Amino acid sequence: MILIDDVLYTGRTVRAAMAAMLAYGRPSTVSLLVLVDRVRTRELQVSASYIGIKVESVETERVLVELKESGGGDKVFLVSTGN
């Protein structure tokens, strides 16, 4: 089974998704695919098997992902929250 997430940050979203999957039975394997991996921000021991891009970011920055349906032009932005 492949679990897909847009931005891997603390790992809590992945943990919640895996808990929901267990309600339907235990998969033999789970691979994680993320579009953006925020490096060094994990609260949980979660790592992705497939990564689109790794981003060095700090706690006060947000990652915004803009995807186009066709023709390319996908973008990843780091935005400071000012805290």
Protein backbone atom coordinates (compact mmCIF):
# COMPACT_ATOMS: atom_id res chain seq x y z
CA MET A 1 0.00 0.00 0.00
CA ILE A 2 1.24 3.52 -0.75
CA LEU A 3 0.27 6.41 1.51
CA ILE A 4 0.56 9.86 -0.11
CA ASP A 5 0.98 13.18 1.70
CA ASP A 6 1.70 16.63 0.32
CA VAL A 7 4.09 17.95 3.00
CA LEU A 8 5.82 15.75 5.59
CA TYR A 9 6.31 17.94 8.65
CA THR A 10 5.90 16.51 12.17
CA GLY A 11 4.67 13.05 11.14
CA ARG A 12 1.36 13.37 13.03
CA THR A 13 -0.73 13.37 9.82
CA VAL A 14 0.96 10.17 8.67
CA ARG A 15 0.35 8.55 12.07
CA ALA A 16 -3.36 9.47 11.90
CA ALA A 17 -3.66 8.11 8.35
CA MET A 18 -2.02 4.83 9.35
CA ALA A 19 -4.39 4.51 12.32
CA ALA A 20 -7.33 4.97 9.94
CA MET A 21 -5.91 2.32 7.58
CA LEU A 22 -5.71 -0.17 10.44
CA ALA A 23 -9.47 0.13 10.88
CA TYR A 24 -9.78 -1.71 7.54
CA GLY A 25 -7.18 -4.36 8.30
CA ARG A 26 -3.43 -4.57 8.59
CA PRO A 27 -1.56 -4.01 5.29
CA SER A 28 1.50 -6.17 4.64
CA THR A 29 3.61 -3.12 3.75
CA VAL A 30 3.15 0.63 3.73
CA SER A 31 5.31 2.99 1.67
CA LEU A 32 5.10 6.73 2.13
CA LEU A 33 5.24 9.14 -0.83
CA VAL A 34 5.54 12.87 -0.09
CA LEU A 35 5.77 15.83 -2.42
CA VAL A 36 7.77 17.94 0.07
CA ASP A 37 9.88 16.66 2.98
CA ARG A 38 10.57 19.33 5.60
CA VAL A 39 13.91 18.15 6.92
CA ARG A 40 14.62 18.16 10.69
CA THR A 41 11.08 18.88 11.86
CA ARG A 42 9.88 15.44 12.98
CA GLU A 43 8.14 14.76 16.26
CA LEU A 44 7.72 11.09 15.29
CA GLN A 45 10.08 8.57 13.68
CA VAL A 46 8.57 8.78 10.18
CA SER A 47 10.50 8.72 6.92
CA ALA A 48 9.28 8.70 3.35
CA SER A 49 10.18 6.05 0.79
CA TYR A 50 9.60 8.44 -2.12
CA ILE A 51 10.31 12.19 -1.92
CA GLY A 52 9.64 14.87 -4.52
CA ILE A 53 11.82 17.56 -2.92
CA LYS A 54 13.57 18.11 0.41
CA VAL A 55 13.27 21.57 1.94
CA GLU A 56 15.39 23.01 4.75
CA SER A 57 12.96 25.05 6.80
CA VAL A 58 12.52 26.38 10.33
CA GLU A 59 9.49 26.31 12.64
CA THR A 60 8.48 29.88 11.72
CA GLU A 61 8.17 29.08 8.00
CA ARG A 62 5.23 27.54 6.17
CA VAL A 63 5.52 25.47 3.02
CA LEU A 64 3.03 26.28 0.28
CA VAL A 65 2.66 23.90 -2.67
CA GLU A 66 1.12 25.08 -5.94
CA LEU A 67 0.36 22.32 -8.45
CA LYS A 68 -0.82 22.81 -12.02
CA GLU A 69 -3.01 20.12 -13.55
CA SER A 70 -1.09 20.12 -16.82
CA GLY A 71 1.83 21.81 -18.50
CA GLY A 72 4.19 21.85 -15.54
CA GLY A 73 4.81 25.03 -13.59
CA ASP A 74 4.52 23.40 -10.17
CA LYS A 75 5.99 25.56 -7.37
CA VAL A 76 7.03 25.23 -3.72
CA PHE A 77 7.23 28.38 -1.59
CA LEU A 78 8.70 28.97 1.87
CA VAL A 79 6.74 31.73 3.59
CA SER A 80 7.78 33.32 6.87
CA THR A 81 4.98 33.57 9.42
CA GLY A 82 6.77 36.41 11.20
CA ASN A 83 6.87 34.72 14.62
